[in-house]
Amino acid sequence: MVRLCTDGNALVIRDMQVLKNEQNNGAGTQALRELYRESKERGFKSLKLRVFVDNPALNLYKRVGFIETERDDSVISMQWMIL
């Protein structure tokens, strides 16, 4: 399940949930790559999201191409530039 919104030239992932039995099987990676493709087709300049610092999905986001843009004690803002 993915909930999206827009913020100027960015497509923002508000929420992304992968079924427990699909985790660590590539479903999250595939979903993010599809969102990247859709963002590019729709003319967005980046994908953005916010993630809790202790969320294991943080490693997935970094692996596919998101970079940290801001951090506080509990939340990291991330962005994946569309090329």
PDB file of N, CA and C in Angstrom:
ATOM      1  N   MET A   1       0.844  -1.148   0.000  1.00  0.00           N
ATOM      2  CA  MET A   1       0.000   0.000   0.000  1.00  0.00           C
ATOM      3  C   MET A   1       0.901   1.226   0.000  1.00  0.00           C
ATOM      4  N   VAL A   2       0.583   2.158  -0.872  1.00  0.00           N
ATOM      5  CA  VAL A   2       1.342   3.403  -0.950  1.00  0.00           C
ATOM      6  C   VAL A   2       0.357   4.561  -0.993  1.00  0.00           C
ATOM      7  N   ARG A   3       0.608   5.576  -0.184  1.00  0.00           N
ATOM      8  CA  ARG A   3      -0.148   6.830  -0.250  1.00  0.00           C
ATOM      9  C   ARG A   3       0.809   7.902  -0.719  1.00  0.00           C
ATOM     10  N   LEU A   4       0.381   8.673  -1.717  1.00  0.00           N
ATOM     11  CA  LEU A   4       1.233   9.690  -2.324  1.00  0.00           C
ATOM     12  C   LEU A   4       0.562  11.053  -2.260  1.00  0.00           C
ATOM     13  N   CYS A   5       1.377  12.087  -2.324  1.00  0.00           N
ATOM     14  CA  CYS A   5       0.894  13.445  -2.527  1.00  0.00           C
ATOM     15  C   CYS A   5       1.986  14.176  -3.310  1.00  0.00           C
ATOM     16  N   THR A   6       1.714  15.392  -3.681  1.00  0.00           N
ATOM     17  CA  THR A   6       2.714  16.170  -4.404  1.00  0.00           C
ATOM     18  C   THR A   6       3.122  17.380  -3.572  1.00  0.00           C
ATOM     19  N   ASP A   7       4.329  17.841  -3.829  1.00  0.00           N
ATOM     20  CA  ASP A   7       4.869  19.029  -3.165  1.00  0.00           C
ATOM     21  C   ASP A   7       5.713  19.751  -4.199  1.00  0.00           C
ATOM     22  N   GLY A   8       5.108  20.654  -4.947  1.00  0.00           N
ATOM     23  CA  GLY A   8       5.831  21.349  -6.001  1.00  0.00           C
ATOM     24  C   GLY A   8       6.275  20.381  -7.075  1.00  0.00           C
ATOM     25  N   ASN A   9       7.575  20.278  -7.262  1.00  0.00           N
ATOM     26  CA  ASN A   9       8.151  19.404  -8.288  1.00  0.00           C
ATOM     27  C   ASN A   9       8.493  18.008  -7.762  1.00  0.00           C
ATOM     28  N   ALA A  10       7.955  17.654  -6.602  1.00  0.00           N
ATOM     29  CA  ALA A  10       8.267  16.351  -6.002  1.00  0.00           C
ATOM     30  C   ALA A  10       7.007  15.520  -5.809  1.00  0.00           C
ATOM     31  N   LEU A  11       7.160  14.222  -6.000  1.00  0.00           N
ATOM     32  CA  LEU A  11       6.141  13.256  -5.607  1.00  0.00           C
ATOM     33  C   LEU A  11       6.545  12.771  -4.221  1.00  0.00           C
ATOM     34  N   VAL A  12       5.639  12.845  -3.279  1.00  0.00           N
ATOM     35  CA  VAL A  12       5.961  12.540  -1.883  1.00  0.00           C
ATOM     36  C   VAL A  12       5.287  11.231  -1.471  1.00  0.00           C
ATOM     37  N   ILE A  13       6.094  10.326  -0.946  1.00  0.00           N
ATOM     38  CA  ILE A  13       5.572   9.077  -0.394  1.00  0.00           C
ATOM     39  C   ILE A  13       5.158   9.378   1.041  1.00  0.00           C
ATOM     40  N   ARG A  14       3.843   9.450   1.269  1.00  0.00           N
ATOM     41  CA  ARG A  14       3.318   9.747   2.600  1.00  0.00           C
ATOM     42  C   ARG A  14       3.336   8.512   3.490  1.00  0.00           C
ATOM     43  N   ASP A  15       3.120   7.351   2.852  1.00  0.00           N
ATOM     44  CA  ASP A  15       3.067   6.106   3.613  1.00  0.00           C
ATOM     45  C   ASP A  15       3.317   4.967   2.638  1.00  0.00           C
ATOM     46  N   MET A  16       4.089   3.992   3.064  1.00  0.00           N
ATOM     47  CA  MET A  16       4.325   2.801   2.254  1.00  0.00           C
ATOM     48  C   MET A  16       4.382   1.609   3.187  1.00  0.00           C
ATOM     49  N   GLN A  17       3.538   0.616   2.900  1.00  0.00           N
ATOM     50  CA  GLN A  17       3.502  -0.577   3.724  1.00  0.00           C
ATOM     51  C   GLN A  17       3.590  -1.807   2.831  1.00  0.00           C
ATOM     52  N   VAL A  18       4.449  -2.721   3.216  1.00  0.00           N
ATOM     53  CA  VAL A  18       4.626  -3.977   2.496  1.00  0.00           C
ATOM     54  C   VAL A  18       4.167  -5.098   3.428  1.00  0.00           C
ATOM     55  N   LEU A  19       3.343  -5.996   2.907  1.00  0.00           N
ATOM     56  CA  LEU A  19       2.882  -7.124   3.715  1.00  0.00           C
ATOM     57  C   LEU A  19       4.071  -7.865   4.321  1.00  0.00           C
ATOM     58  N   LYS A  20       3.911  -8.307   5.533  1.00  0.00           N
ATOM     59  CA  LYS A  20       4.995  -8.973   6.272  1.00  0.00           C
ATOM     60  C   LYS A  20       5.619 -10.113   5.467  1.00  0.00           C
ATOM     61  N   ASN A  21       4.793 -10.942   4.814  1.00  0.00           N
ATOM     62  CA  ASN A  21       5.339 -12.085   4.070  1.00  0.00           C
ATOM     63  C   ASN A  21       6.010 -11.671   2.762  1.00  0.00           C
ATOM     64  N   GLU A  22       5.892 -10.404   2.372  1.00  0.00           N
ATOM     65  CA  GLU A  22       6.560  -9.897   1.168  1.00  0.00           C
ATOM     66  C   GLU A  22       7.832  -9.106   1.503  1.00  0.00           C
ATOM     67  N   GLN A  23       8.049  -8.820   2.759  1.00  0.00           N
ATOM     68  CA  GLN A  23       9.236  -8.068   3.165  1.00  0.00           C
ATOM     69  C   GLN A  23      10.489  -8.911   2.959  1.00  0.00           C
ATOM     70  N   ASN A  24      11.566  -8.263   2.574  1.00  0.00           N
ATOM     71  CA  ASN A  24      12.859  -8.897   2.309  1.00  0.00           C
ATOM     72  C   ASN A  24      12.814  -9.844   1.113  1.00  0.00           C
ATOM     73  N   ASN A  25      11.853  -9.634   0.238  1.00  0.00           N
ATOM     74  CA  ASN A  25      11.753 -10.421  -0.991  1.00  0.00           C
ATOM     75  C   ASN A  25      11.783  -9.541  -2.232  1.00  0.00           C
ATOM     76  N   GLY A  26      12.132  -8.274  -2.080  1.00  0.00           N
ATOM     77  CA  GLY A  26      12.243  -7.368  -3.220  1.00  0.00           C
ATOM     78  C   GLY A  26      11.001  -6.560  -3.532  1.00  0.00           C
ATOM     79  N   ALA A  27       9.917  -6.767  -2.787  1.00  0.00           N
ATOM     80  CA  ALA A  27       8.678  -6.042  -3.072  1.00  0.00           C
ATOM     81  C   ALA A  27       8.842  -4.540  -2.846  1.00  0.00           C
ATOM     82  N   GLY A  28       9.515  -4.155  -1.781  1.00  0.00           N
ATOM     83  CA  GLY A  28       9.738  -2.734  -1.499  1.00  0.00           C
ATOM     84  C   GLY A  28      10.607  -2.081  -2.552  1.00  0.00           C
ATOM     85  N   THR A  29      11.673  -2.769  -2.937  1.00  0.00           N
ATOM     86  CA  THR A  29      12.566  -2.252  -3.985  1.00  0.00           C
ATOM     87  C   THR A  29      11.799  -2.076  -5.287  1.00  0.00           C
ATOM     88  N   GLN A  30      11.016  -3.068  -5.659  1.00  0.00           N
ATOM     89  CA  GLN A  30      10.238  -3.000  -6.890  1.00  0.00           C
ATOM     90  C   GLN A  30       9.233  -1.843  -6.837  1.00  0.00           C
ATOM     91  N   ALA A  31       8.567  -1.673  -5.715  1.00  0.00           N
ATOM     92  CA  ALA A  31       7.595  -0.588  -5.572  1.00  0.00           C
ATOM     93  C   ALA A  31       8.264   0.774  -5.706  1.00  0.00           C
ATOM     94  N   LEU A  32       9.425   0.947  -5.081  1.00  0.00           N
ATOM     95  CA  LEU A  32      10.131   2.226  -5.155  1.00  0.00           C
ATOM     96  C   LEU A  32      10.626   2.507  -6.564  1.00  0.00           C
ATOM     97  N   ARG A  33      11.119   1.497  -7.248  1.00  0.00           N
ATOM     98  CA  ARG A  33      11.566   1.696  -8.627  1.00  0.00           C
ATOM     99  C   ARG A  33      10.390   2.064  -9.531  1.00  0.00           C
ATOM    100  N   GLU A  34       9.234   1.480  -9.279  1.00  0.00           N
ATOM    101  CA  GLU A  34       8.036   1.820 -10.047  1.00  0.00           C
ATOM    102  C   GLU A  34       7.610   3.263  -9.757  1.00  0.00           C
ATOM    103  N   LEU A  35       7.702   3.673  -8.512  1.00  0.00           N
ATOM    104  CA  LEU A  35       7.387   5.061  -8.164  1.00  0.00           C
ATOM    105  C   LEU A  35       8.365   6.031  -8.812  1.00  0.00           C
ATOM    106  N   TYR A  36       9.635   5.649  -8.874  1.00  0.00           N
ATOM    107  CA  TYR A  36      10.636   6.476  -9.558  1.00  0.00           C
ATOM    108  C   TYR A  36      10.252   6.633 -11.035  1.00  0.00           C
ATOM    109  N   ARG A  37       9.906   5.506 -11.679  1.00  0.00           N
ATOM    110  CA  ARG A  37       9.533   5.530 -13.094  1.00  0.00           C
ATOM    111  C   ARG A  37       8.303   6.411 -13.306  1.00  0.00           C
ATOM    112  N   GLU A  38       7.312   6.251 -12.458  1.00  0.00           N
ATOM    113  CA  GLU A  38       6.095   7.050 -12.567  1.00  0.00           C
ATOM    114  C   GLU A  38       6.401   8.535 -12.356  1.00  0.00           C
ATOM    115  N   SER A  39       7.262   8.841 -11.388  1.00  0.00           N
ATOM    116  CA  SER A  39       7.646  10.227 -11.126  1.00  0.00           C
ATOM    117  C   SER A  39       8.292  10.851 -12.362  1.00  0.00           C
ATOM    118  N   LYS A  40       9.170  10.092 -12.979  1.00  0.00           N
ATOM    119  CA  LYS A  40       9.855  10.581 -14.175  1.00  0.00           C
ATOM    120  C   LYS A  40       8.861  10.832 -15.305  1.00  0.00           C
ATOM    121  N   GLU A  41       7.958   9.873 -15.520  1.00  0.00           N
ATOM    122  CA  GLU A  41       6.949  10.020 -16.578  1.00  0.00           C
ATOM    123  C   GLU A  41       6.047  11.222 -16.342  1.00  0.00           C
ATOM    124  N   ARG A  42       5.761  11.527 -15.096  1.00  0.00           N
ATOM    125  CA  ARG A  42       4.869  12.639 -14.763  1.00  0.00           C
ATOM    126  C   ARG A  42       5.600  13.970 -14.658  1.00  0.00           C
ATOM    127  N   GLY A  43       6.926  13.961 -14.855  1.00  0.00           N
ATOM    128  CA  GLY A  43       7.692  15.203 -14.886  1.00  0.00           C
ATOM    129  C   GLY A  43       8.149  15.731 -13.542  1.00  0.00           C
ATOM    130  N   PHE A  44       8.085  14.909 -12.505  1.00  0.00           N
ATOM    131  CA  PHE A  44       8.576  15.344 -11.203  1.00  0.00           C
ATOM    132  C   PHE A  44      10.103  15.339 -11.192  1.00  0.00           C
ATOM    133  N   LYS A  45      10.677  16.180 -10.358  1.00  0.00           N
ATOM    134  CA  LYS A  45      12.134  16.293 -10.253  1.00  0.00           C
ATOM    135  C   LYS A  45      12.709  15.395  -9.168  1.00  0.00           C
ATOM    136  N   SER A  46      11.851  14.950  -8.216  1.00  0.00           N
ATOM    137  CA  SER A  46      12.345  14.088  -7.146  1.00  0.00           C
ATOM    138  C   SER A  46      11.201  13.330  -6.485  1.00  0.00           C
ATOM    139  N   LEU A  47      11.598  12.299  -5.769  1.00  0.00           N
ATOM    140  CA  LEU A  47      10.718  11.568  -4.863  1.00  0.00           C
ATOM    141  C   LEU A  47      11.165  11.937  -3.454  1.00  0.00           C
ATOM    142  N   LYS A  48      10.232  12.182  -2.563  1.00  0.00           N
ATOM    143  CA  LYS A  48      10.586  12.532  -1.185  1.00  0.00           C
ATOM    144  C   LYS A  48       9.830  11.630  -0.223  1.00  0.00           C
ATOM    145  N   LEU A  49      10.399  11.484   0.960  1.00  0.00           N
ATOM    146  CA  LEU A  49       9.730  10.761   2.046  1.00  0.00           C
ATOM    147  C   LEU A  49      10.347  11.160   3.367  1.00  0.00           C
ATOM    148  N   ARG A  50       9.645  10.787   4.429  1.00  0.00           N
ATOM    149  CA  ARG A  50      10.150  10.946   5.793  1.00  0.00           C
ATOM    150  C   ARG A  50      10.070   9.584   6.455  1.00  0.00           C
ATOM    151  N   VAL A  51      11.077   9.263   7.249  1.00  0.00           N
ATOM    152  CA  VAL A  51      11.146   7.943   7.877  1.00  0.00           C
ATOM    153  C   VAL A  51      11.682   8.097   9.298  1.00  0.00           C
ATOM    154  N   PHE A  52      11.138   7.296  10.221  1.00  0.00           N
ATOM    155  CA  PHE A  52      11.667   7.302  11.580  1.00  0.00           C
ATOM    156  C   PHE A  52      13.093   6.757  11.572  1.00  0.00           C
ATOM    157  N   VAL A  53      13.950   7.307  12.419  1.00  0.00           N
ATOM    158  CA  VAL A  53      15.365   6.938  12.434  1.00  0.00           C
ATOM    159  C   VAL A  53      15.593   5.463  12.740  1.00  0.00           C
ATOM    160  N   ASP A  54      14.657   4.829  13.445  1.00  0.00           N
ATOM    161  CA  ASP A  54      14.833   3.424  13.804  1.00  0.00           C
ATOM    162  C   ASP A  54      14.079   2.462  12.882  1.00  0.00           C
ATOM    163  N   ASN A  55      13.545   2.959  11.773  1.00  0.00           N
ATOM    164  CA  ASN A  55      12.800   2.120  10.833  1.00  0.00           C
ATOM    165  C   ASN A  55      13.777   1.309   9.981  1.00  0.00           C
ATOM    166  N   PRO A  56      13.659  -0.016   9.958  1.00  0.00           N
ATOM    167  CA  PRO A  56      14.567  -0.838   9.154  1.00  0.00           C
ATOM    168  C   PRO A  56      14.511  -0.531   7.662  1.00  0.00           C
ATOM    169  N   ALA A  57      13.416   0.060   7.186  1.00  0.00           N
ATOM    170  CA  ALA A  57      13.295   0.407   5.765  1.00  0.00           C
ATOM    171  C   ALA A  57      14.282   1.504   5.365  1.00  0.00           C
ATOM    172  N   LEU A  58      14.874   2.177   6.321  1.00  0.00           N
ATOM    173  CA  LEU A  58      15.868   3.212   6.033  1.00  0.00           C
ATOM    174  C   LEU A  58      16.983   2.662   5.141  1.00  0.00           C
ATOM    175  N   ASN A  59      17.415   1.455   5.396  1.00  0.00           N
ATOM    176  CA  ASN A  59      18.467   0.838   4.577  1.00  0.00           C
ATOM    177  C   ASN A  59      18.005   0.633   3.141  1.00  0.00           C
ATOM    178  N   LEU A  60      16.752   0.246   2.953  1.00  0.00           N
ATOM    179  CA  LEU A  60      16.185   0.094   1.615  1.00  0.00           C
ATOM    180  C   LEU A  60      16.204   1.425   0.889  1.00  0.00           C
ATOM    181  N   TYR A  61      15.748   2.474   1.545  1.00  0.00           N
ATOM    182  CA  TYR A  61      15.692   3.782   0.900  1.00  0.00           C
ATOM    183  C   TYR A  61      17.084   4.239   0.462  1.00  0.00           C
ATOM    184  N   LYS A  62      18.065   4.056   1.306  1.00  0.00           N
ATOM    185  CA  LYS A  62      19.437   4.430   0.947  1.00  0.00           C
ATOM    186  C   LYS A  62      19.940   3.582  -0.221  1.00  0.00           C
ATOM    187  N   ARG A  63      19.643   2.306  -0.190  1.00  0.00           N
ATOM    188  CA  ARG A  63      20.131   1.387  -1.223  1.00  0.00           C
ATOM    189  C   ARG A  63      19.597   1.744  -2.617  1.00  0.00           C
ATOM    190  N   VAL A  64      18.335   2.161  -2.708  1.00  0.00           N
ATOM    191  CA  VAL A  64      17.783   2.463  -4.030  1.00  0.00           C
ATOM    192  C   VAL A  64      18.177   3.840  -4.542  1.00  0.00           C
ATOM    193  N   GLY A  65      18.601   4.746  -3.653  1.00  0.00           N
ATOM    194  CA  GLY A  65      19.064   6.043  -4.136  1.00  0.00           C
ATOM    195  C   GLY A  65      18.624   7.265  -3.357  1.00  0.00           C
ATOM    196  N   PHE A  66      17.828   7.093  -2.305  1.00  0.00           N
ATOM    197  CA  PHE A  66      17.430   8.239  -1.494  1.00  0.00           C
ATOM    198  C   PHE A  66      18.630   8.745  -0.703  1.00  0.00           C
ATOM    199  N   ILE A  67      18.711  10.057  -0.548  1.00  0.00           N
ATOM    200  CA  ILE A  67      19.745  10.654   0.303  1.00  0.00           C
ATOM    201  C   ILE A  67      19.074  11.469   1.406  1.00  0.00           C
ATOM    202  N   GLU A  68      19.729  11.537   2.521  1.00  0.00           N
ATOM    203  CA  GLU A  68      19.211  12.289   3.661  1.00  0.00           C
ATOM    204  C   GLU A  68      19.323  13.778   3.378  1.00  0.00           C
ATOM    205  N   THR A  69      18.230  14.507   3.611  1.00  0.00           N
ATOM    206  CA  THR A  69      18.244  15.952   3.404  1.00  0.00           C
ATOM    207  C   THR A  69      18.068  16.726   4.702  1.00  0.00           C
ATOM    208  N   GLU A  70      17.507  16.057   5.715  1.00  0.00           N
ATOM    209  CA  GLU A  70      17.274  16.706   7.000  1.00  0.00           C
ATOM    210  C   GLU A  70      17.051  15.629   8.051  1.00  0.00           C
ATOM    211  N   ARG A  71      17.388  15.956   9.292  1.00  0.00           N
ATOM    212  CA  ARG A  71      17.226  14.978  10.378  1.00  0.00           C
ATOM    213  C   ARG A  71      16.949  15.720  11.675  1.00  0.00           C
ATOM    214  N   ASP A  72      16.051  15.137  12.460  1.00  0.00           N
ATOM    215  CA  ASP A  72      15.906  15.588  13.839  1.00  0.00           C
ATOM    216  C   ASP A  72      16.054  14.364  14.740  1.00  0.00           C
ATOM    217  N   ASP A  73      15.639  14.446  15.959  1.00  0.00           N
ATOM    218  CA  ASP A  73      15.855  13.337  16.893  1.00  0.00           C
ATOM    219  C   ASP A  73      15.164  12.043  16.483  1.00  0.00           C
ATOM    220  N   SER A  74      14.033  12.150  15.767  1.00  0.00           N
ATOM    221  CA  SER A  74      13.269  10.943  15.484  1.00  0.00           C
ATOM    222  C   SER A  74      12.957  10.692  14.011  1.00  0.00           C
ATOM    223  N   VAL A  75      13.096  11.707  13.160  1.00  0.00           N
ATOM    224  CA  VAL A  75      12.670  11.573  11.763  1.00  0.00           C
ATOM    225  C   VAL A  75      13.759  12.057  10.808  1.00  0.00           C
ATOM    226  N   ILE A  76      13.908  11.321   9.707  1.00  0.00           N
ATOM    227  CA  ILE A  76      14.851  11.687   8.644  1.00  0.00           C
ATOM    228  C   ILE A  76      14.039  12.013   7.394  1.00  0.00           C
ATOM    229  N   SER A  77      14.300  13.155   6.803  1.00  0.00           N
ATOM    230  CA  SER A  77      13.721  13.509   5.513  1.00  0.00           C
ATOM    231  C   SER A  77      14.692  13.059   4.437  1.00  0.00           C
ATOM    232  N   MET A  78      14.160  12.456   3.371  1.00  0.00           N
ATOM    233  CA  MET A  78      15.010  11.906   2.310  1.00  0.00           C
ATOM    234  C   MET A  78      14.461  12.303   0.945  1.00  0.00           C
ATOM    235  N   GLN A  79      15.358  12.309  -0.030  1.00  0.00           N
ATOM    236  CA  GLN A  79      14.998  12.684  -1.394  1.00  0.00           C
ATOM    237  C   GLN A  79      15.766  11.825  -2.394  1.00  0.00           C
ATOM    238  N   TRP A  80      15.100  11.452  -3.471  1.00  0.00           N
ATOM    239  CA  TRP A  80      15.715  10.701  -4.573  1.00  0.00           C
ATOM    240  C   TRP A  80      15.502  11.542  -5.817  1.00  0.00           C
ATOM    241  N   MET A  81      16.561  12.115  -6.340  1.00  0.00           N
ATOM    242  CA  MET A  81      16.476  12.987  -7.517  1.00  0.00           C
ATOM    243  C   MET A  81      16.156  12.153  -8.749  1.00  0.00           C
ATOM    244  N   ILE A  82      15.263  12.676  -9.584  1.00  0.00           N
ATOM    245  CA  ILE A  82      14.881  12.011 -10.819  1.00  0.00           C
ATOM    246  C   ILE A  82      15.830  12.478 -11.920  1.00  0.00           C
ATOM    247  N   LEU A  83      16.509  11.544 -12.548  1.00  0.00           N
ATOM    248  CA  LEU A  83      17.467  11.894 -13.604  1.00  0.00           C
ATOM    249  C   LEU A  83      16.890  11.632 -14.975  1.00  0.00           C
TER     250      LEU A  83
END
